[in-house]
Amino acid sequence: MRKVADCREWPSENNCSLVITGTEDEVVRAATEHAVSVHGETDSPELREQIRAALKEELVLQHS
């Protein structure tokens, strides 16, 4: 199942609205790069673990 990281769920001075969807490893990698480049975070195992813990499963709507 695909995972989602939603920047709106984190405190942010710039009210970031980015949503990243993909496999767990892809999302953790991309969300970490985003947190570092946009939000000034430091890439660390702790940051990656916080991101991994905050991931949600993607909701897929089925159309009939």
Protein backbone atom coordinates (compact mmCIF):
# COMPACT_ATOMS: atom_id res chain seq x y z
CA MET A 1 0.00 0.00 0.00
CA ARG A 2 1.20 3.50 -0.82
CA LYS A 3 2.02 5.94 1.96
CA VAL A 4 1.29 9.67 2.30
CA ALA A 5 3.18 12.48 4.05
CA ASP A 6 1.12 15.66 4.35
CA CYS A 7 3.05 18.79 5.28
CA ARG A 8 -0.15 20.43 6.56
CA GLU A 9 0.02 18.10 9.58
CA TRP A 10 3.33 19.61 10.76
CA PRO A 11 3.80 23.04 12.32
CA SER A 12 5.06 25.41 9.63
CA GLU A 13 5.71 29.14 9.41
CA ASN A 14 4.94 29.18 5.69
CA ASN A 15 1.73 27.10 5.85
CA CYS A 16 3.18 24.50 3.50
CA SER A 17 0.58 22.36 1.74
CA LEU A 18 2.80 19.78 0.02
CA VAL A 19 1.57 16.17 -0.03
CA ILE A 20 3.94 13.35 -1.00
CA THR A 21 2.66 9.91 -2.00
CA GLY A 22 4.53 6.72 -2.90
CA THR A 23 6.15 3.71 -1.32
CA GLU A 24 7.21 4.15 2.30
CA ASP A 25 10.91 4.49 1.46
CA GLU A 26 10.23 6.92 -1.40
CA VAL A 27 8.05 9.13 0.78
CA VAL A 28 10.50 9.16 3.70
CA ARG A 29 13.34 10.10 1.35
CA ALA A 30 11.37 12.83 -0.46
CA ALA A 31 9.80 14.22 2.73
CA THR A 32 13.22 14.38 4.39
CA GLU A 33 14.69 16.24 1.42
CA HIS A 34 11.71 18.63 1.50
CA ALA A 35 12.02 19.20 5.26
CA VAL A 36 15.71 20.04 4.87
CA SER A 37 15.49 22.23 1.76
CA VAL A 38 12.26 24.09 2.52
CA HIS A 39 11.86 24.02 6.29
CA GLY A 40 15.49 24.19 7.39
CA GLU A 41 15.49 20.87 9.24
CA THR A 42 18.65 18.82 9.65
CA ASP A 43 18.72 15.40 7.99
CA SER A 44 19.09 12.88 10.79
CA PRO A 45 17.90 9.41 11.74
CA GLU A 46 15.55 11.07 14.25
CA LEU A 47 13.94 13.25 11.56
CA ARG A 48 13.49 10.27 9.26
CA GLU A 49 11.91 8.26 12.08
CA GLN A 50 9.51 11.12 12.90
CA ILE A 51 8.49 11.30 9.27
CA ARG A 52 8.10 7.51 9.03
CA ALA A 53 5.93 7.48 12.17
CA ALA A 54 3.67 10.22 10.78
CA LEU A 55 2.97 8.47 7.46
CA LYS A 56 -0.58 7.47 6.68
CA GLU A 57 -1.90 4.95 4.21
CA GLU A 58 -3.17 6.41 0.96
CA LEU A 59 -6.94 6.41 0.64
CA VAL A 60 -8.02 5.32 -2.80
CA LEU A 61 -11.53 6.10 -3.89
CA GLN A 62 -13.13 3.52 -6.11
CA HIS A 63 -15.33 4.89 -8.85
CA SER A 64 -18.22 2.82 -10.14
